[in-house]
Protein backbone atom coordinates (compact mmCIF):
# COMPACT_ATOMS: atom_id res chain seq x y z
CA MET A 1 176.05 120.87 76.86
CA THR A 2 172.44 121.66 77.58
CA THR A 3 171.74 122.78 73.99
CA ASP A 4 173.13 119.58 72.42
CA ALA A 5 171.28 117.21 74.72
CA PRO A 6 167.77 117.65 73.20
CA ALA A 7 169.18 117.37 69.66
CA ARG A 8 170.75 113.97 70.25
CA PRO A 9 167.43 112.11 70.77
CA ARG A 10 166.05 113.78 67.65
CA ARG A 11 169.06 112.72 65.56
CA SER A 12 168.86 109.24 67.02
CA ALA A 13 165.14 109.05 66.18
CA ARG A 14 165.74 110.24 62.61
CA ARG A 15 168.56 107.71 62.19
CA SER A 16 166.30 104.95 63.51
CA GLU A 17 163.53 105.96 61.10
CA ALA A 18 166.00 106.01 58.20
CA ILE A 19 167.24 102.53 59.08
CA GLN A 20 163.67 101.25 59.31
CA GLY A 21 162.90 102.80 55.93
CA TRP A 22 165.89 101.09 54.33
CA LEU A 23 164.90 97.78 55.91
CA TYR A 24 161.37 98.09 54.53
CA ALA A 25 162.63 99.04 51.07
CA THR A 26 165.39 96.42 50.84
CA PRO A 27 163.20 93.40 49.86
CA THR A 28 161.54 95.36 47.06
CA ALA A 29 164.86 96.80 45.91
CA LEU A 30 166.38 93.30 45.80
CA PHE A 31 163.37 91.97 43.91
CA VAL A 32 163.52 94.75 41.31
CA GLY A 33 167.30 94.50 41.03
CA VAL A 34 167.48 90.73 40.60
CA LEU A 35 164.43 90.29 38.35
CA PHE A 36 164.50 93.55 36.36
CA VAL A 37 167.67 95.64 36.51
CA ILE A 38 170.22 92.82 36.20
CA PRO A 39 168.37 91.06 33.32
CA LEU A 40 167.92 94.42 31.57
CA VAL A 41 171.65 95.15 31.79
CA LEU A 42 172.45 91.61 30.61
CA VAL A 43 170.14 91.95 27.60
CA ALA A 44 171.74 95.30 26.73
CA ILE A 45 175.18 93.65 26.81
CA MET A 46 173.96 90.73 24.70
CA SER A 47 172.42 93.07 22.13
CA ALA A 48 175.80 94.71 21.53
CA SER A 49 177.92 91.56 21.46
CA ASP A 50 178.45 88.29 19.65
CA TRP A 51 176.82 85.83 22.07
CA PRO A 52 175.98 82.36 20.70
CA LEU A 53 173.72 80.28 22.92
CA PHE A 54 176.27 77.55 23.62
CA ALA A 55 179.47 79.59 23.45
CA GLY A 56 178.82 82.69 25.55
CA PHE A 57 180.33 86.14 25.06
CA SER A 58 182.63 86.24 22.02
CA GLY A 59 183.28 89.97 21.57
CA TRP A 60 181.47 93.18 20.74
CA ASN A 61 179.71 93.62 17.39
CA PHE A 62 177.36 96.61 17.78
CA PRO A 63 175.14 97.26 15.79
CA ASP A 64 175.25 93.98 13.85
CA ASN A 65 172.67 92.24 16.07
CA PHE A 66 170.08 94.95 15.46
CA VAL A 67 170.63 94.79 11.71
CA SER A 68 170.34 90.99 11.75
CA ALA A 69 167.13 91.13 13.79
CA VAL A 70 165.46 93.58 11.41
CA ASP A 71 166.74 91.74 8.32
CA ASN A 72 165.23 88.45 9.48
CA ARG A 73 162.70 87.31 6.89
CA LEU A 74 160.01 86.90 9.55
CA PHE A 75 160.54 90.22 11.34
CA TRP A 76 158.09 92.44 9.48
CA GLN A 77 155.58 89.62 9.14
CA ALA A 78 155.68 89.16 12.91
CA VAL A 79 155.35 92.92 13.46
CA ARG A 80 152.29 93.14 11.20
CA PHE A 81 150.61 90.15 12.85
CA THR A 82 151.36 91.44 16.34
CA ILE A 83 149.80 94.82 15.48
CA VAL A 84 146.68 93.18 14.02
CA TYR A 85 146.31 90.95 17.06
CA THR A 86 146.89 93.87 19.44
CA VAL A 87 144.24 96.04 17.81
CA ALA A 88 141.66 93.22 17.73
CA ALA A 89 142.28 92.13 21.32
CA THR A 90 142.37 95.69 22.69
CA VAL A 91 139.15 96.81 21.04
CA LEU A 92 137.23 93.70 22.11
CA LEU A 93 138.56 93.63 25.67
CA ILE A 94 137.88 97.32 26.35
CA ALA A 95 134.43 97.26 24.73
CA LEU A 96 133.29 94.03 26.38
CA GLY A 97 134.85 94.97 29.72
CA LEU A 98 132.96 98.26 29.75
CA GLY A 99 129.73 96.56 28.63
CA LEU A 100 129.92 93.96 31.39
CA ALA A 101 130.82 96.63 33.95
CA LEU A 102 127.70 98.60 33.01
CA LEU A 103 125.66 95.40 33.23
CA VAL A 104 126.82 94.35 36.70
CA GLN A 105 126.74 97.91 38.03
CA GLU A 106 122.97 97.83 38.22
CA SER A 107 121.42 96.76 41.51
CA THR A 108 119.81 93.45 40.58
CA ALA A 109 119.41 90.13 42.32
CA TRP A 110 121.91 88.57 39.90
CA ARG A 111 124.61 91.22 40.32
CA SER A 112 126.88 89.28 42.69
CA PHE A 113 126.48 86.07 40.70
CA LEU A 114 127.29 87.77 37.39
CA ARG A 115 130.34 89.54 38.81
CA THR A 116 131.71 86.27 40.12
CA ALA A 117 130.90 84.36 36.94
CA PHE A 118 132.58 86.92 34.68
CA LEU A 119 135.63 87.16 36.93
CA ILE A 120 136.28 83.41 37.42
CA PRO A 121 138.21 82.91 34.12
CA SER A 122 140.70 85.57 35.25
CA ALA A 123 141.79 83.27 38.07
CA LEU A 124 143.01 80.67 35.57
CA GLY A 125 146.60 80.90 34.40
CA LEU A 126 147.10 81.87 30.76
CA ALA A 127 149.08 78.71 29.99
CA SER A 128 146.38 76.54 31.57
CA ALA A 129 143.66 78.39 29.68
CA SER A 130 145.61 77.94 26.43
CA LEU A 131 145.89 74.19 27.03
CA LEU A 132 142.15 74.04 27.77
CA PHE A 133 141.28 75.78 24.51
CA TYR A 134 143.82 73.66 22.63
CA VAL A 135 141.82 70.59 23.65
CA LEU A 136 138.54 72.32 22.77
CA TYR A 137 139.86 73.22 19.32
CA SER A 138 141.43 69.80 18.72
CA PRO A 139 139.86 67.85 15.83
CA LEU A 140 140.54 64.62 17.74
CA ALA A 141 139.37 65.34 21.28
CA GLY A 142 137.49 68.62 21.07
CA PRO A 143 133.69 68.86 21.31
CA PHE A 144 133.57 70.33 17.80
CA ALA A 145 135.64 67.52 16.25
CA GLY A 146 132.81 65.88 14.30
CA TRP A 147 131.50 69.14 12.91
CA MET A 148 134.97 70.30 11.90
CA GLU A 149 135.78 67.01 10.19
CA SER A 150 132.55 67.12 8.22
CA ALA A 151 133.32 70.69 7.18
CA GLY A 152 136.83 69.67 6.15
CA PHE A 153 138.88 72.12 8.22
CA THR A 154 140.35 72.74 11.66
CA ILE A 155 140.02 75.95 13.62
CA LEU A 156 143.78 76.27 14.01
CA GLY A 157 144.54 75.14 10.48
CA SER A 158 144.10 78.51 8.74
CA PRO A 159 145.70 81.91 9.50
CA GLY A 160 142.38 83.66 10.08
CA GLY A 161 140.96 80.83 12.15
CA ALA A 162 144.08 80.63 14.32
CA LEU A 163 144.06 84.39 14.92
CA TRP A 164 140.41 84.63 15.95
CA ALA A 165 140.56 81.41 17.95
CA THR A 166 143.37 82.93 20.00
CA VAL A 167 141.55 86.27 20.32
CA PHE A 168 138.49 84.41 21.61
CA LEU A 169 140.69 82.70 24.23
CA ILE A 170 142.12 86.06 25.37
CA VAL A 171 138.68 87.68 25.49
CA TRP A 172 137.33 84.79 27.59
CA ARG A 173 140.35 84.91 29.91
CA PHE A 174 140.75 88.65 30.48
CA THR A 175 137.35 90.31 29.96
CA GLY A 176 136.39 89.78 33.61
CA PHE A 177 139.58 91.48 34.76
CA TYR A 178 138.95 94.53 32.58
CA MET A 179 135.33 94.51 33.70
CA LEU A 180 136.59 94.87 37.28
CA LEU A 181 138.81 97.82 36.36
CA MET A 182 135.95 99.51 34.51
CA LEU A 183 133.61 98.85 37.42
CA VAL A 184 135.98 100.58 39.81
CA GLY A 185 136.07 103.56 37.47
CA LEU A 186 132.27 103.66 37.18
CA GLN A 187 131.83 103.52 40.94
CA GLY A 188 134.19 106.48 41.28
CA ILE A 189 131.83 108.75 39.33
CA PRO A 190 129.73 110.83 41.75
CA GLY A 191 126.00 110.13 41.70
CA GLU A 192 125.31 113.90 41.70
CA VAL A 193 126.70 114.11 38.17
CA TYR A 194 124.15 111.60 36.89
CA GLU A 195 121.40 113.34 38.84
CA ALA A 196 122.30 116.67 37.25
CA ALA A 197 122.27 115.08 33.79
CA ARG A 198 118.86 113.54 34.47
CA ILE A 199 117.46 116.90 35.60
CA ASP A 200 118.80 118.50 32.42
CA GLY A 201 116.79 115.96 30.42
CA SER A 202 119.66 113.85 29.09
CA SER A 203 118.77 110.43 27.74
CA ARG A 204 120.63 107.31 28.85
CA TRP A 205 122.73 107.36 25.68
CA GLN A 206 123.55 111.06 26.07
CA THR A 207 124.48 110.51 29.72
CA PHE A 208 126.76 107.65 28.74
CA LEU A 209 128.39 109.54 25.88
CA TYR A 210 128.84 112.95 27.50
CA VAL A 211 129.15 112.07 31.19
CA THR A 212 130.33 108.49 31.70
CA VAL A 213 132.89 108.26 28.90
CA PRO A 214 134.70 111.56 29.68
CA LEU A 215 134.89 110.75 33.39
CA LEU A 216 136.26 107.27 32.61
CA ARG A 217 139.25 108.60 30.67
CA PRO A 218 141.76 107.86 33.48
CA THR A 219 140.42 104.29 33.60
CA PHE A 220 140.60 104.05 29.81
CA ALA A 221 144.23 105.23 29.94
CA LEU A 222 145.15 102.49 32.42
CA THR A 223 143.28 99.69 30.66
CA ILE A 224 144.48 100.60 27.18
CA VAL A 225 148.12 100.76 28.27
CA MET A 226 147.81 97.41 30.07
CA CYS A 227 145.99 95.76 27.17
CA VAL A 228 148.32 97.06 24.45
CA THR A 229 151.41 96.11 26.44
CA GLY A 230 150.10 92.62 27.17
CA SER A 231 149.08 92.05 23.55
CA LEU A 232 152.38 93.25 22.10
CA LEU A 233 154.17 90.81 24.42
CA ALA A 234 151.88 87.87 23.58
CA PHE A 235 153.68 84.54 23.73
CA GLU A 236 152.09 81.71 25.76
CA GLN A 237 148.78 81.54 23.92
CA PHE A 238 150.32 81.38 20.46
CA TYR A 239 153.14 79.10 21.52
CA ILE A 240 150.68 76.56 22.93
CA LEU A 241 147.85 76.90 20.41
CA THR A 242 149.59 77.46 17.07
CA LYS A 243 153.40 77.28 17.52
CA GLY A 244 153.42 80.28 15.16
CA GLY A 245 151.65 78.35 12.39
CA PRO A 246 150.28 77.67 9.96
CA ASP A 247 153.29 78.72 7.86
CA ASN A 248 154.45 81.28 10.47
CA SER A 249 151.24 83.26 9.94
CA THR A 250 150.66 83.64 13.70
CA MET A 251 154.27 84.37 14.65
CA THR A 252 154.44 87.21 17.17
CA VAL A 253 157.48 89.37 17.84
CA VAL A 254 158.13 87.67 21.18
CA GLN A 255 157.86 84.24 19.54
CA LEU A 256 160.38 85.34 16.94
CA MET A 257 162.65 86.50 19.76
CA TYR A 258 162.36 83.08 21.41
CA SER A 259 163.05 81.33 18.12
CA MET A 260 166.18 83.42 17.51
CA ALA A 261 167.51 82.60 20.96
CA PHE A 262 166.64 78.92 21.45
CA GLN A 263 165.54 77.32 18.18
CA GLY A 264 166.69 78.45 14.76
CA GLN A 265 169.74 80.69 15.13
CA ASN A 266 170.62 79.86 18.75
CA ASP A 267 171.97 83.40 18.98
CA LEU A 268 171.32 85.31 22.20
CA GLY A 269 172.92 88.43 20.72
CA VAL A 270 170.40 88.78 17.89
CA ALA A 271 167.56 87.91 20.26
CA GLY A 272 168.86 90.57 22.66
CA GLY A 273 168.89 93.11 19.85
CA LEU A 274 165.28 92.32 19.05
CA SER A 275 164.44 92.56 22.76
CA VAL A 276 165.87 96.06 22.93
CA ILE A 277 163.91 97.07 19.83
CA VAL A 278 160.70 95.76 21.40
CA LEU A 279 161.44 97.55 24.69
CA VAL A 280 162.05 100.88 22.96
CA ALA A 281 158.87 100.44 20.88
CA LEU A 282 156.82 99.63 24.00
CA VAL A 283 158.08 102.70 25.84
CA ALA A 284 157.40 104.94 22.84
CA ILE A 285 153.90 103.53 22.29
CA ASN A 286 152.93 103.86 25.96
CA VAL A 287 154.30 107.41 26.23
CA PHE A 288 152.33 108.36 23.10
CA GLN A 289 149.15 106.77 24.43
CA LEU A 290 149.41 108.49 27.81
CA ARG A 291 150.12 111.87 26.23
CA VAL A 292 147.15 111.57 23.89
CA LEU A 293 144.76 110.41 26.60
CA ARG A 294 145.94 112.97 29.14
CA GLY A 295 145.82 115.71 26.53
CA ARG A 296 142.21 114.90 25.77
CA GLU A 297 141.41 114.74 29.47
CA GLU A 298 142.92 118.19 30.09
CA SER A 299 141.13 119.65 27.07
């Protein structure tokens, strides 16, 4: 009797802590389950079944949906364009984000103003920013309308112009956000490291190349994964600015997925198959990136 008495309060306390833990975790678990796990399972079912948009589940047909998605005449064109856009956006965002972070890192009277000014576009929603730039690029209402009419072209009227117009929008919208991430990484580098490099006689360029860049590799890993993932899943900016045109030259993989589901084929099964392909590709690309970056960091 006496030996069990002290154990009961301990068991009761542990049970109370466990219940509190489950209560704290339940909202997040519900959020993840409803908005991630259930849709993921539903997409997996769609990808392996005949599922017209207006008819619902009509039987299993694995792997026909995957074959139809890859055989679509726009699939490889969309893949190539998405890769080109991803490379261009990633390089510019990382380079400009790092450059701005180095600029605002210095203790100057304009530091706070510049940080705020560069970060303000990140507060604007991507759809709103796309509509803003659509008006700016418009030959009817945009500020460049007269010049474009005299030159005989529109910014969004050619494949190259549409691509770089959209890249400019993304750079304007997200550079401040990546600047903030880079700034956090720069501020995490100990000042003693720079002092040691200065004592050793390193120039500013040598310090940047052999001290700053290696110590920023964890930050580079995070920003590159985020930027590549966001670019591969690009949808709103192209849907609003170009609708995939001209002549499907700016069709991304996600736009093609949307078109398969709700426009041309009205087939959720084929769109689900393409979704699974994109998901597997994203996981593989991110795993490869992290392994390469971590391998270099360890070496």
